[in-house]
Amino acid sequence: MAERCFPGISQFYAEMPAKPVTFLQLLWAFEGRKAARPTRRKQRSR
């Protein structure tokens, strides 16, 4: 069921060196890896 809602979470869990205790911790880690990193954007021409 988790894989259906969060594609890739099973593989993510299998590859984790330290397994989370709860599903919520797993979900936080899974979602956190997708968080956008700050990127520098081009300034618009005036």
C-alpha atoms as a PDB file:
ATOM      1  CA  MET A   1       0.000   0.000   0.000  1.00  0.00           C
ATOM      2  CA  ALA A   2       2.844   2.402   0.832  1.00  0.00           C
ATOM      3  CA  GLU A   3       4.477   1.747  -2.548  1.00  0.00           C
ATOM      4  CA  ARG A   4       1.228   2.625  -4.302  1.00  0.00           C
ATOM      5  CA  CYS A   5       0.970   5.952  -2.483  1.00  0.00           C
ATOM      6  CA  PHE A   6       4.703   6.714  -2.445  1.00  0.00           C
ATOM      7  CA  PRO A   7       6.375   5.146  -5.493  1.00  0.00           C
ATOM      8  CA  GLY A   8       9.998   4.278  -4.728  1.00  0.00           C
ATOM      9  CA  ILE A   9       9.644   4.152  -0.949  1.00  0.00           C
ATOM     10  CA  SER A  10      10.334   0.392  -0.787  1.00  0.00           C
ATOM     11  CA  GLN A  11      13.659   0.739  -2.552  1.00  0.00           C
ATOM     12  CA  PHE A  12      14.496   3.804  -0.461  1.00  0.00           C
ATOM     13  CA  TYR A  13      13.839   1.795   2.721  1.00  0.00           C
ATOM     14  CA  ALA A  14      15.883  -1.181   1.502  1.00  0.00           C
ATOM     15  CA  GLU A  15      18.872   1.089   0.804  1.00  0.00           C
ATOM     16  CA  MET A  16      18.783   2.891   4.168  1.00  0.00           C
ATOM     17  CA  PRO A  17      21.762   1.969   6.374  1.00  0.00           C
ATOM     18  CA  ALA A  18      19.849   2.817   9.579  1.00  0.00           C
ATOM     19  CA  LYS A  19      16.180   1.826   9.479  1.00  0.00           C
ATOM     20  CA  PRO A  20      13.602   4.191  11.008  1.00  0.00           C
ATOM     21  CA  VAL A  21      11.536   2.940  13.930  1.00  0.00           C
ATOM     22  CA  THR A  22       8.194   4.205  12.614  1.00  0.00           C
ATOM     23  CA  PHE A  23       6.556   4.619   9.228  1.00  0.00           C
ATOM     24  CA  LEU A  24       6.238   8.343   9.890  1.00  0.00           C
ATOM     25  CA  GLN A  25      10.011   8.631  10.300  1.00  0.00           C
ATOM     26  CA  LEU A  26      10.444   6.711   7.032  1.00  0.00           C
ATOM     27  CA  LEU A  27       7.994   9.022   5.304  1.00  0.00           C
ATOM     28  CA  TRP A  28       9.775  12.153   6.604  1.00  0.00           C
ATOM     29  CA  ALA A  29      13.103  10.845   5.332  1.00  0.00           C
ATOM     30  CA  PHE A  30      11.584   9.835   1.975  1.00  0.00           C
ATOM     31  CA  GLU A  31       9.861  13.178   1.455  1.00  0.00           C
ATOM     32  CA  GLY A  32      12.870  15.104   2.755  1.00  0.00           C
ATOM     33  CA  ARG A  33      15.160  13.682   0.100  1.00  0.00           C
ATOM     34  CA  LYS A  34      12.917  15.184  -2.562  1.00  0.00           C
ATOM     35  CA  ALA A  35      13.006  18.657  -1.027  1.00  0.00           C
ATOM     36  CA  ALA A  36      14.292  21.157  -3.504  1.00  0.00           C
ATOM     37  CA  ARG A  37      17.744  22.456  -2.864  1.00  0.00           C
ATOM     38  CA  PRO A  38      18.119  26.211  -3.102  1.00  0.00           C
ATOM     39  CA  THR A  39      19.295  27.151  -6.555  1.00  0.00           C
ATOM     40  CA  ARG A  40      20.517  30.398  -7.895  1.00  0.00           C
ATOM     41  CA  ARG A  41      18.183  31.870 -10.482  1.00  0.00           C
ATOM     42  CA  LYS A  42      19.036  34.165 -13.309  1.00  0.00           C
ATOM     43  CA  GLN A  43      18.019  37.752 -12.858  1.00  0.00           C
ATOM     44  CA  ARG A  44      15.436  38.939 -15.322  1.00  0.00           C
ATOM     45  CA  SER A  45      16.519  41.527 -17.849  1.00  0.00           C
ATOM     46  CA  ARG A  46      14.952  44.915 -17.388  1.00  0.00           C
END
